[in-house]
Amino acid sequence: MACKLLCLLVVFAIITFVTHGSGPHCGLNDVTLRQSKSGMVESKPVWKVTLNNPCICLLTNLKLSCTGFESVVPVDTLIKTGDVCVLNKGIQGDFVFKYAWDTSFDFKVIDGTFCA
């Protein structure tokens, strides 16, 4: 009897791991982006951008729309090409970068790769 119970528990654990082991399916809609003021530099406000990937999988090649983006301080983590900025770091959990400009920019998540 104990063996049957143990076998059932093992089978249940395997099924649970296979169906949920990699976490819930995540997509770009799960990624959040917040901005807040974080001081001043060169007479311009510093904007703190917090990206959050709540998924278990690493998010890479994250592309943000960044039309008109400028900063008086370098932003080493962004590579800007036209109106698209690519984050050159993988994200799992929170990731923060800062820039300095008169106004905040309307960044939007447009593309990325999970579990690459």
N, C-alpha and C. Protein backbone atom coordinates (compact mmCIF):
# COMPACT_ATOMS: atom_id res chain seq x y z
N MET A 1 0.82 -1.20 0.00
CA MET A 1 0.00 0.00 0.00
C MET A 1 0.86 1.26 0.00
N ALA A 2 1.92 1.26 0.84
CA ALA A 2 2.81 2.42 0.91
C ALA A 2 3.52 2.64 -0.42
N CYS A 3 3.87 1.54 -1.10
CA CYS A 3 4.53 1.64 -2.39
C CYS A 3 3.62 2.29 -3.43
N LYS A 4 2.34 1.91 -3.42
CA LYS A 4 1.39 2.49 -4.37
C LYS A 4 1.25 3.99 -4.13
N LEU A 5 1.16 4.38 -2.87
CA LEU A 5 1.03 5.80 -2.54
C LEU A 5 2.28 6.56 -2.97
N LEU A 6 3.44 5.99 -2.70
CA LEU A 6 4.70 6.63 -3.08
C LEU A 6 4.80 6.75 -4.59
N CYS A 7 4.43 5.69 -5.30
CA CYS A 7 4.46 5.72 -6.77
C CYS A 7 3.52 6.79 -7.32
N LEU A 8 2.33 6.90 -6.74
CA LEU A 8 1.39 7.93 -7.17
C LEU A 8 1.95 9.33 -6.93
N LEU A 9 2.59 9.52 -5.79
CA LEU A 9 3.18 10.82 -5.49
C LEU A 9 4.30 11.16 -6.47
N VAL A 10 5.13 10.19 -6.82
CA VAL A 10 6.22 10.41 -7.77
C VAL A 10 5.65 10.76 -9.15
N VAL A 11 4.65 10.02 -9.60
CA VAL A 11 4.02 10.31 -10.89
C VAL A 11 3.40 11.70 -10.88
N PHE A 12 2.71 12.05 -9.81
CA PHE A 12 2.12 13.39 -9.70
C PHE A 12 3.19 14.47 -9.76
N ALA A 13 4.30 14.24 -9.06
CA ALA A 13 5.40 15.22 -9.05
C ALA A 13 6.00 15.38 -10.44
N ILE A 14 6.18 14.29 -11.15
CA ILE A 14 6.73 14.36 -12.51
C ILE A 14 5.78 15.10 -13.44
N ILE A 15 4.51 14.79 -13.37
CA ILE A 15 3.53 15.49 -14.23
C ILE A 15 3.51 16.97 -13.90
N THR A 16 3.54 17.30 -12.64
CA THR A 16 3.54 18.71 -12.23
C THR A 16 4.77 19.42 -12.74
N PHE A 17 5.94 18.78 -12.64
CA PHE A 17 7.18 19.41 -13.11
C PHE A 17 7.15 19.59 -14.62
N VAL A 18 6.71 18.58 -15.36
CA VAL A 18 6.69 18.67 -16.82
C VAL A 18 5.73 19.75 -17.28
N THR A 19 4.57 19.86 -16.66
CA THR A 19 3.59 20.84 -17.13
C THR A 19 3.82 22.23 -16.58
N HIS A 20 4.48 22.35 -15.41
CA HIS A 20 4.67 23.66 -14.80
C HIS A 20 6.12 23.96 -14.43
N GLY A 21 7.02 23.04 -14.73
CA GLY A 21 8.40 23.17 -14.29
C GLY A 21 9.11 24.39 -14.80
N SER A 22 8.75 24.85 -15.99
CA SER A 22 9.43 26.03 -16.53
C SER A 22 8.69 27.30 -16.17
N GLY A 23 7.71 27.19 -15.30
CA GLY A 23 6.94 28.37 -14.91
C GLY A 23 5.84 28.63 -15.91
N PRO A 24 5.00 29.60 -15.60
CA PRO A 24 3.92 29.91 -16.52
C PRO A 24 4.49 30.49 -17.81
N HIS A 25 3.77 30.27 -18.88
CA HIS A 25 4.20 30.84 -20.16
C HIS A 25 4.19 32.36 -20.04
N CYS A 26 5.29 32.95 -20.40
CA CYS A 26 5.40 34.40 -20.29
C CYS A 26 5.55 35.02 -21.67
N GLY A 27 5.13 36.24 -21.76
CA GLY A 27 5.26 36.98 -23.00
C GLY A 27 5.62 38.42 -22.73
N LEU A 28 5.75 39.17 -23.79
CA LEU A 28 6.13 40.57 -23.67
C LEU A 28 5.09 41.38 -22.89
N ASN A 29 3.85 40.93 -22.90
CA ASN A 29 2.81 41.65 -22.14
C ASN A 29 3.03 41.57 -20.64
N ASP A 30 3.84 40.61 -20.20
CA ASP A 30 4.12 40.46 -18.77
C ASP A 30 5.24 41.40 -18.30
N VAL A 31 6.01 41.92 -19.24
CA VAL A 31 7.12 42.82 -18.91
C VAL A 31 6.56 44.21 -18.61
N THR A 32 6.98 44.77 -17.47
CA THR A 32 6.51 46.12 -17.12
C THR A 32 7.67 47.10 -17.16
N LEU A 33 7.33 48.36 -17.38
CA LEU A 33 8.31 49.43 -17.46
C LEU A 33 7.77 50.61 -16.67
N ARG A 34 8.55 51.08 -15.69
CA ARG A 34 8.17 52.24 -14.89
C ARG A 34 9.28 53.27 -14.97
N GLN A 35 8.90 54.55 -14.89
CA GLN A 35 9.89 55.62 -14.85
C GLN A 35 9.59 56.54 -13.69
N SER A 36 10.67 57.07 -13.10
CA SER A 36 10.52 58.04 -12.03
C SER A 36 11.73 58.96 -12.04
N LYS A 37 11.53 60.18 -11.51
CA LYS A 37 12.65 61.12 -11.41
C LYS A 37 13.60 60.63 -10.32
N SER A 38 14.89 60.85 -10.59
CA SER A 38 15.90 60.34 -9.66
C SER A 38 17.08 61.30 -9.56
N GLY A 39 16.81 62.56 -9.30
CA GLY A 39 17.89 63.53 -9.13
C GLY A 39 18.06 64.44 -10.34
N MET A 40 19.21 65.13 -10.37
CA MET A 40 19.52 66.07 -11.45
C MET A 40 20.98 65.88 -11.87
N VAL A 41 21.25 66.13 -13.14
CA VAL A 41 22.61 66.16 -13.66
C VAL A 41 22.63 67.14 -14.82
N GLU A 42 23.63 68.00 -14.86
CA GLU A 42 23.75 69.01 -15.91
C GLU A 42 22.45 69.78 -16.11
N SER A 43 21.81 70.15 -15.02
CA SER A 43 20.56 70.93 -15.01
C SER A 43 19.39 70.19 -15.66
N LYS A 44 19.49 68.90 -15.77
CA LYS A 44 18.41 68.10 -16.34
C LYS A 44 18.00 67.03 -15.33
N PRO A 45 16.71 66.70 -15.30
CA PRO A 45 16.29 65.61 -14.41
C PRO A 45 16.85 64.27 -14.87
N VAL A 46 17.19 63.45 -13.90
CA VAL A 46 17.62 62.08 -14.19
C VAL A 46 16.37 61.21 -14.08
N TRP A 47 16.16 60.38 -15.08
CA TRP A 47 15.00 59.49 -15.12
C TRP A 47 15.48 58.07 -14.88
N LYS A 48 14.88 57.43 -13.91
CA LYS A 48 15.18 56.03 -13.57
C LYS A 48 14.13 55.15 -14.25
N VAL A 49 14.58 54.24 -15.10
CA VAL A 49 13.69 53.32 -15.80
C VAL A 49 13.86 51.94 -15.17
N THR A 50 12.77 51.38 -14.68
CA THR A 50 12.80 50.04 -14.10
C THR A 50 11.99 49.11 -15.00
N LEU A 51 12.69 48.13 -15.55
CA LEU A 51 12.04 47.08 -16.34
C LEU A 51 11.90 45.87 -15.45
N ASN A 52 10.77 45.19 -15.52
CA ASN A 52 10.58 43.99 -14.73
C ASN A 52 10.12 42.85 -15.61
N ASN A 53 10.88 41.76 -15.55
CA ASN A 53 10.52 40.51 -16.20
C ASN A 53 10.17 39.53 -15.08
N PRO A 54 8.87 39.28 -14.84
CA PRO A 54 8.48 38.39 -13.75
C PRO A 54 8.63 36.91 -14.09
N CYS A 55 9.03 36.63 -15.30
CA CYS A 55 9.09 35.24 -15.77
C CYS A 55 10.37 34.55 -15.31
N ILE A 56 10.32 33.25 -15.24
CA ILE A 56 11.48 32.45 -14.87
C ILE A 56 12.54 32.53 -15.97
N CYS A 57 12.10 32.60 -17.19
CA CYS A 57 13.02 32.63 -18.33
C CYS A 57 13.69 33.99 -18.48
N LEU A 58 14.95 33.97 -18.85
CA LEU A 58 15.71 35.17 -19.14
C LEU A 58 15.15 35.83 -20.39
N LEU A 59 14.99 37.13 -20.35
CA LEU A 59 14.53 37.91 -21.50
C LEU A 59 15.74 38.58 -22.13
N THR A 60 16.01 38.29 -23.39
CA THR A 60 17.15 38.87 -24.09
C THR A 60 16.67 39.60 -25.34
N ASN A 61 17.58 40.37 -25.92
CA ASN A 61 17.29 41.13 -27.15
C ASN A 61 16.03 41.99 -27.00
N LEU A 62 15.86 42.58 -25.82
CA LEU A 62 14.68 43.40 -25.58
C LEU A 62 14.77 44.67 -26.41
N LYS A 63 13.74 44.91 -27.20
CA LYS A 63 13.68 46.12 -28.03
C LYS A 63 12.60 47.03 -27.49
N LEU A 64 12.96 48.30 -27.34
CA LEU A 64 12.04 49.33 -26.88
C LEU A 64 11.88 50.37 -27.96
N SER A 65 10.66 50.86 -28.15
CA SER A 65 10.50 52.02 -29.02
C SER A 65 11.07 53.20 -28.24
N CYS A 66 11.86 54.03 -28.90
CA CYS A 66 12.49 55.15 -28.20
C CYS A 66 12.62 56.35 -29.12
N THR A 67 11.52 56.68 -29.78
CA THR A 67 11.49 57.80 -30.71
C THR A 67 11.97 59.08 -30.03
N GLY A 68 12.98 59.70 -30.63
CA GLY A 68 13.50 60.97 -30.12
C GLY A 68 14.36 60.86 -28.88
N PHE A 69 14.71 59.65 -28.48
CA PHE A 69 15.46 59.46 -27.23
C PHE A 69 16.82 60.16 -27.29
N GLU A 70 17.10 60.91 -26.22
CA GLU A 70 18.39 61.55 -26.04
C GLU A 70 18.71 61.56 -24.55
N SER A 71 20.00 61.68 -24.24
CA SER A 71 20.43 61.77 -22.86
C SER A 71 21.74 62.55 -22.80
N VAL A 72 21.88 63.39 -21.78
CA VAL A 72 23.14 64.13 -21.62
C VAL A 72 24.20 63.28 -20.93
N VAL A 73 23.81 62.11 -20.43
CA VAL A 73 24.77 61.15 -19.88
C VAL A 73 24.68 59.87 -20.70
N PRO A 74 25.79 59.17 -20.89
CA PRO A 74 25.75 57.93 -21.66
C PRO A 74 24.87 56.86 -20.99
N VAL A 75 24.18 56.11 -21.82
CA VAL A 75 23.39 54.97 -21.34
C VAL A 75 24.00 53.73 -21.99
N ASP A 76 24.94 53.12 -21.28
CA ASP A 76 25.72 52.02 -21.84
C ASP A 76 24.90 50.78 -22.15
N THR A 77 23.76 50.64 -21.51
CA THR A 77 22.98 49.42 -21.68
C THR A 77 22.03 49.47 -22.88
N LEU A 78 21.91 50.64 -23.54
CA LEU A 78 21.03 50.77 -24.70
C LEU A 78 21.82 51.01 -25.96
N ILE A 79 21.43 50.32 -27.01
CA ILE A 79 21.99 50.57 -28.34
C ILE A 79 20.85 51.12 -29.19
N LYS A 80 20.97 52.39 -29.59
CA LYS A 80 19.89 53.07 -30.33
C LYS A 80 20.16 52.99 -31.81
N THR A 81 19.15 52.51 -32.54
CA THR A 81 19.20 52.47 -33.99
C THR A 81 17.87 53.03 -34.49
N GLY A 82 17.90 54.25 -35.02
CA GLY A 82 16.65 54.89 -35.44
C GLY A 82 15.77 55.13 -34.24
N ASP A 83 14.55 54.63 -34.30
CA ASP A 83 13.58 54.81 -33.22
C ASP A 83 13.46 53.59 -32.32
N VAL A 84 14.45 52.70 -32.40
CA VAL A 84 14.45 51.47 -31.59
C VAL A 84 15.71 51.42 -30.73
N CYS A 85 15.53 51.11 -29.45
CA CYS A 85 16.65 50.91 -28.53
C CYS A 85 16.67 49.45 -28.11
N VAL A 86 17.82 48.82 -28.23
CA VAL A 86 17.98 47.42 -27.84
C VAL A 86 18.76 47.39 -26.53
N LEU A 87 18.23 46.68 -25.57
CA LEU A 87 18.90 46.52 -24.29
C LEU A 87 19.95 45.43 -24.45
N ASN A 88 21.21 45.75 -24.15
CA ASN A 88 22.27 44.76 -24.37
C ASN A 88 22.55 43.91 -23.13
N LYS A 89 21.55 43.73 -22.29
CA LYS A 89 21.63 42.87 -21.10
C LYS A 89 20.40 41.98 -21.08
N GLY A 90 20.56 40.79 -20.55
CA GLY A 90 19.41 39.93 -20.31
C GLY A 90 18.70 40.37 -19.04
N ILE A 91 17.39 40.18 -18.99
CA ILE A 91 16.62 40.60 -17.82
C ILE A 91 15.92 39.41 -17.21
N GLN A 92 16.10 39.28 -15.91
CA GLN A 92 15.35 38.33 -15.10
C GLN A 92 15.06 39.06 -13.80
N GLY A 93 13.81 39.34 -13.51
CA GLY A 93 13.48 40.18 -12.37
C GLY A 93 13.57 41.64 -12.79
N ASP A 94 14.07 42.50 -11.89
CA ASP A 94 14.17 43.93 -12.18
C ASP A 94 15.50 44.28 -12.83
N PHE A 95 15.45 45.24 -13.73
CA PHE A 95 16.64 45.81 -14.34
C PHE A 95 16.43 47.32 -14.42
N VAL A 96 17.44 48.09 -14.04
CA VAL A 96 17.31 49.54 -13.98
C VAL A 96 18.37 50.20 -14.84
N PHE A 97 17.96 51.22 -15.60
CA PHE A 97 18.92 52.11 -16.23
C PHE A 97 18.44 53.54 -16.06
N LYS A 98 19.36 54.48 -16.19
CA LYS A 98 19.03 55.89 -15.99
C LYS A 98 19.48 56.71 -17.19
N TYR A 99 18.76 57.79 -17.44
CA TYR A 99 19.14 58.75 -18.46
C TYR A 99 18.78 60.13 -17.96
N ALA A 100 19.32 61.16 -18.58
CA ALA A 100 19.06 62.53 -18.15
C ALA A 100 18.61 63.36 -19.35
N TRP A 101 17.41 63.91 -19.23
CA TRP A 101 16.86 64.77 -20.28
C TRP A 101 15.75 65.62 -19.66
N ASP A 102 15.32 66.64 -20.38
CA ASP A 102 14.30 67.56 -19.85
C ASP A 102 12.99 66.86 -19.52
N THR A 103 12.61 65.92 -20.36
CA THR A 103 11.35 65.19 -20.14
C THR A 103 11.62 63.69 -20.25
N SER A 104 10.69 62.91 -19.73
CA SER A 104 10.82 61.46 -19.87
C SER A 104 10.42 61.06 -21.29
N PHE A 105 10.95 59.95 -21.74
CA PHE A 105 10.61 59.43 -23.06
C PHE A 105 9.60 58.30 -22.90
N ASP A 106 8.75 58.16 -23.88
CA ASP A 106 7.69 57.17 -23.84
C ASP A 106 8.20 55.83 -24.39
N PHE A 107 9.02 55.14 -23.60
CA PHE A 107 9.51 53.83 -24.01
C PHE A 107 8.36 52.83 -24.02
N LYS A 108 8.36 51.95 -25.02
CA LYS A 108 7.39 50.86 -25.08
C LYS A 108 8.13 49.59 -25.47
N VAL A 109 7.79 48.49 -24.83
CA VAL A 109 8.36 47.19 -25.17
C VAL A 109 7.77 46.76 -26.51
N ILE A 110 8.65 46.45 -27.49
CA ILE A 110 8.14 46.04 -28.80
C ILE A 110 8.57 44.64 -29.23
N ASP A 111 9.66 44.11 -28.63
CA ASP A 111 10.11 42.78 -29.03
C ASP A 111 11.13 42.25 -28.03
N GLY A 112 11.35 40.98 -28.03
CA GLY A 112 12.33 40.35 -27.16
C GLY A 112 12.25 38.84 -27.29
N THR A 113 13.22 38.15 -26.69
CA THR A 113 13.29 36.69 -26.77
C THR A 113 13.36 36.11 -25.36
N PHE A 114 12.49 35.16 -25.08
CA PHE A 114 12.49 34.48 -23.78
C PHE A 114 13.21 33.14 -23.90
N CYS A 115 13.96 32.78 -22.86
CA CYS A 115 14.61 31.47 -22.74
C CYS A 115 15.46 31.13 -23.95
N ALA A 116 16.21 32.10 -24.42
CA ALA A 116 17.04 31.84 -25.60
C ALA A 116 18.29 31.09 -25.21
